[in-house]
Structures are given as C-alpha cells and as structure tokens.
C-alpha cells in the first residue's frame, strides 16, 4: 500500500486525478486479493471433495470405517456421515 501511495505522489497530476488513479490502483489490489481468496477456497473445497471420494471408494471396497480413519486421519464419525450420505 505504501508503495502505491509513493508511486502516485511522484506523478504530476492534480489532486483529483491523483485520487482517481489511487482508487483505481486500490480497486486492482482488492480484486487480486479477492481472486487469491477465491482460488484458495476452491483448492480447499477440491481437496475436501477428493478426500470424500477416496473415503467412499474405500468404503465400497469393504474397508472398515476404523481402518479408513486410521489410514487417513479423518475422524470415524465424519467417515460414517459421508458413507450415510452416499447411501441415501
């Protein structure tokens, strides 16, 4: 942020133009932050979905909930919940 302010202070713009340029730069920075947050959230959701698919496949092959919990470090009650949702 300080870098943005310093950059705009060096421009030979009147106050109103400098303010508009500053606001544009801030909007760009905000958008980048939003995109980063959305990316990270999407990655977390994808990882969670992958874990669920792995657990469901393990359940289908007959591996017990306790064994899956031991192998994946996922709580047995959560594995049971995912398995119950699958069968509904």
C-alpha atoms as a PDB file:
ATOM      1  CA  UNK A   1       0.000   0.000   0.000  1.00  0.00           C
ATOM      2  CA  UNK A   2       2.802   2.419   0.895  1.00  0.00           C
ATOM      3  CA  UNK A   3       4.457   1.611  -2.425  1.00  0.00           C
ATOM      4  CA  UNK A   4       1.253   2.576  -4.243  1.00  0.00           C
ATOM      5  CA  UNK A   5       0.995   5.850  -2.344  1.00  0.00           C
ATOM      6  CA  UNK A   6       4.660   6.691  -3.022  1.00  0.00           C
ATOM      7  CA  UNK A   7       4.249   5.957  -6.722  1.00  0.00           C
ATOM      8  CA  UNK A   8       1.254   8.243  -7.070  1.00  0.00           C
ATOM      9  CA  UNK A   9       2.856  11.093  -5.126  1.00  0.00           C
ATOM     10  CA  UNK A  10       5.527  11.271  -7.805  1.00  0.00           C
ATOM     11  CA  UNK A  11       3.022  11.879 -10.613  1.00  0.00           C
ATOM     12  CA  UNK A  12       2.452  15.436 -11.741  1.00  0.00           C
ATOM     13  CA  UNK A  13      -1.337  15.113 -11.541  1.00  0.00           C
ATOM     14  CA  UNK A  14      -3.736  17.407  -9.834  1.00  0.00           C
ATOM     15  CA  UNK A  15      -5.259  16.160  -6.593  1.00  0.00           C
ATOM     16  CA  UNK A  16      -8.452  14.856  -8.169  1.00  0.00           C
ATOM     17  CA  UNK A  17      -6.610  12.911 -10.885  1.00  0.00           C
ATOM     18  CA  UNK A  18      -4.165  11.517  -8.335  1.00  0.00           C
ATOM     19  CA  UNK A  19      -7.086  10.428  -6.143  1.00  0.00           C
ATOM     20  CA  UNK A  20      -8.813   8.680  -9.072  1.00  0.00           C
ATOM     21  CA  UNK A  21      -5.590   6.925 -10.048  1.00  0.00           C
ATOM     22  CA  UNK A  22      -5.060   5.869  -6.432  1.00  0.00           C
ATOM     23  CA  UNK A  23      -8.620   4.490  -6.219  1.00  0.00           C
ATOM     24  CA  UNK A  24      -8.118   2.535  -9.452  1.00  0.00           C
ATOM     25  CA  UNK A  25      -4.916   1.014  -8.098  1.00  0.00           C
ATOM     26  CA  UNK A  26      -6.658   0.131  -4.834  1.00  0.00           C
ATOM     27  CA  UNK A  27      -9.508  -1.499  -6.766  1.00  0.00           C
ATOM     28  CA  UNK A  28      -6.990  -3.585  -8.703  1.00  0.00           C
ATOM     29  CA  UNK A  29      -5.288  -4.659  -5.489  1.00  0.00           C
ATOM     30  CA  UNK A  30      -8.657  -5.527  -3.916  1.00  0.00           C
ATOM     31  CA  UNK A  31      -9.609  -7.608  -6.949  1.00  0.00           C
ATOM     32  CA  UNK A  32      -6.310  -9.503  -6.806  1.00  0.00           C
ATOM     33  CA  UNK A  33      -6.892 -10.252  -3.121  1.00  0.00           C
ATOM     34  CA  UNK A  34     -10.432 -11.464  -3.866  1.00  0.00           C
ATOM     35  CA  UNK A  35      -9.151 -13.709  -6.642  1.00  0.00           C
ATOM     36  CA  UNK A  36      -6.473 -15.168  -4.361  1.00  0.00           C
ATOM     37  CA  UNK A  37      -9.059 -15.851  -1.648  1.00  0.00           C
ATOM     38  CA  UNK A  38     -11.419 -17.481  -4.157  1.00  0.00           C
ATOM     39  CA  UNK A  39      -8.575 -19.637  -5.503  1.00  0.00           C
ATOM     40  CA  UNK A  40      -7.593 -20.789  -2.019  1.00  0.00           C
ATOM     41  CA  UNK A  41     -11.207 -21.539  -1.116  1.00  0.00           C
ATOM     42  CA  UNK A  42     -11.638 -23.514  -4.330  1.00  0.00           C
ATOM     43  CA  UNK A  43      -8.491 -25.501  -3.626  1.00  0.00           C
ATOM     44  CA  UNK A  44      -9.708 -26.340  -0.119  1.00  0.00           C
ATOM     45  CA  UNK A  45     -13.080 -27.454  -1.477  1.00  0.00           C
ATOM     46  CA  UNK A  46     -11.388 -29.577  -4.136  1.00  0.00           C
ATOM     47  CA  UNK A  47      -9.155 -31.256  -1.578  1.00  0.00           C
ATOM     48  CA  UNK A  48     -12.159 -31.946   0.658  1.00  0.00           C
ATOM     49  CA  UNK A  49     -14.095 -33.411  -2.265  1.00  0.00           C
ATOM     50  CA  UNK A  50     -11.116 -35.587  -3.175  1.00  0.00           C
ATOM     51  CA  UNK A  51     -10.918 -36.894   0.386  1.00  0.00           C
ATOM     52  CA  UNK A  52     -14.622 -37.740   0.341  1.00  0.00           C
ATOM     53  CA  UNK A  53     -14.308 -39.589  -2.972  1.00  0.00           C
ATOM     54  CA  UNK A  54     -11.320 -41.552  -1.669  1.00  0.00           C
ATOM     55  CA  UNK A  55     -13.188 -42.499   1.519  1.00  0.00           C
ATOM     56  CA  UNK A  56     -16.301 -43.525  -0.398  1.00  0.00           C
ATOM     57  CA  UNK A  57     -14.228 -45.689  -2.740  1.00  0.00           C
ATOM     58  CA  UNK A  58     -12.554 -47.314   0.252  1.00  0.00           C
ATOM     59  CA  UNK A  59     -15.963 -47.997   1.830  1.00  0.00           C
ATOM     60  CA  UNK A  60     -17.189 -49.539  -1.432  1.00  0.00           C
ATOM     61  CA  UNK A  61     -14.270 -51.947  -1.433  1.00  0.00           C
ATOM     62  CA  UNK A  62     -15.205 -53.113   2.039  1.00  0.00           C
ATOM     63  CA  UNK A  63     -12.582 -51.360   4.130  1.00  0.00           C
ATOM     64  CA  UNK A  64     -13.982 -50.649   7.591  1.00  0.00           C
ATOM     65  CA  UNK A  65     -14.567 -47.144   8.883  1.00  0.00           C
ATOM     66  CA  UNK A  66     -11.993 -47.711  11.630  1.00  0.00           C
ATOM     67  CA  UNK A  67      -9.341 -48.792   9.124  1.00  0.00           C
ATOM     68  CA  UNK A  68     -10.081 -45.808   6.889  1.00  0.00           C
ATOM     69  CA  UNK A  69      -9.878 -43.457   9.868  1.00  0.00           C
ATOM     70  CA  UNK A  70      -6.538 -44.955  10.829  1.00  0.00           C
ATOM     71  CA  UNK A  71      -5.144 -44.654   7.282  1.00  0.00           C
ATOM     72  CA  UNK A  72      -6.452 -41.159   6.517  1.00  0.00           C
ATOM     73  CA  UNK A  73      -6.531 -39.403   9.904  1.00  0.00           C
ATOM     74  CA  UNK A  74     -10.148 -38.490   9.164  1.00  0.00           C
ATOM     75  CA  UNK A  75     -12.455 -38.905  12.185  1.00  0.00           C
ATOM     76  CA  UNK A  76     -14.522 -42.094  12.060  1.00  0.00           C
ATOM     77  CA  UNK A  77     -17.764 -40.199  12.720  1.00  0.00           C
ATOM     78  CA  UNK A  78     -17.129 -37.993   9.671  1.00  0.00           C
ATOM     79  CA  UNK A  79     -16.393 -41.056   7.535  1.00  0.00           C
ATOM     80  CA  UNK A  80     -19.646 -42.596   8.752  1.00  0.00           C
ATOM     81  CA  UNK A  81     -21.506 -39.392   7.905  1.00  0.00           C
ATOM     82  CA  UNK A  82     -20.073 -39.375   4.365  1.00  0.00           C
ATOM     83  CA  UNK A  83     -20.965 -43.040   3.974  1.00  0.00           C
ATOM     84  CA  UNK A  84     -24.524 -42.429   5.158  1.00  0.00           C
ATOM     85  CA  UNK A  85     -24.976 -39.570   2.690  1.00  0.00           C
ATOM     86  CA  UNK A  86     -23.836 -41.848  -0.122  1.00  0.00           C
ATOM     87  CA  UNK A  87     -26.414 -44.497   0.673  1.00  0.00           C
ATOM     88  CA  UNK A  88     -29.330 -42.041   0.772  1.00  0.00           C
END
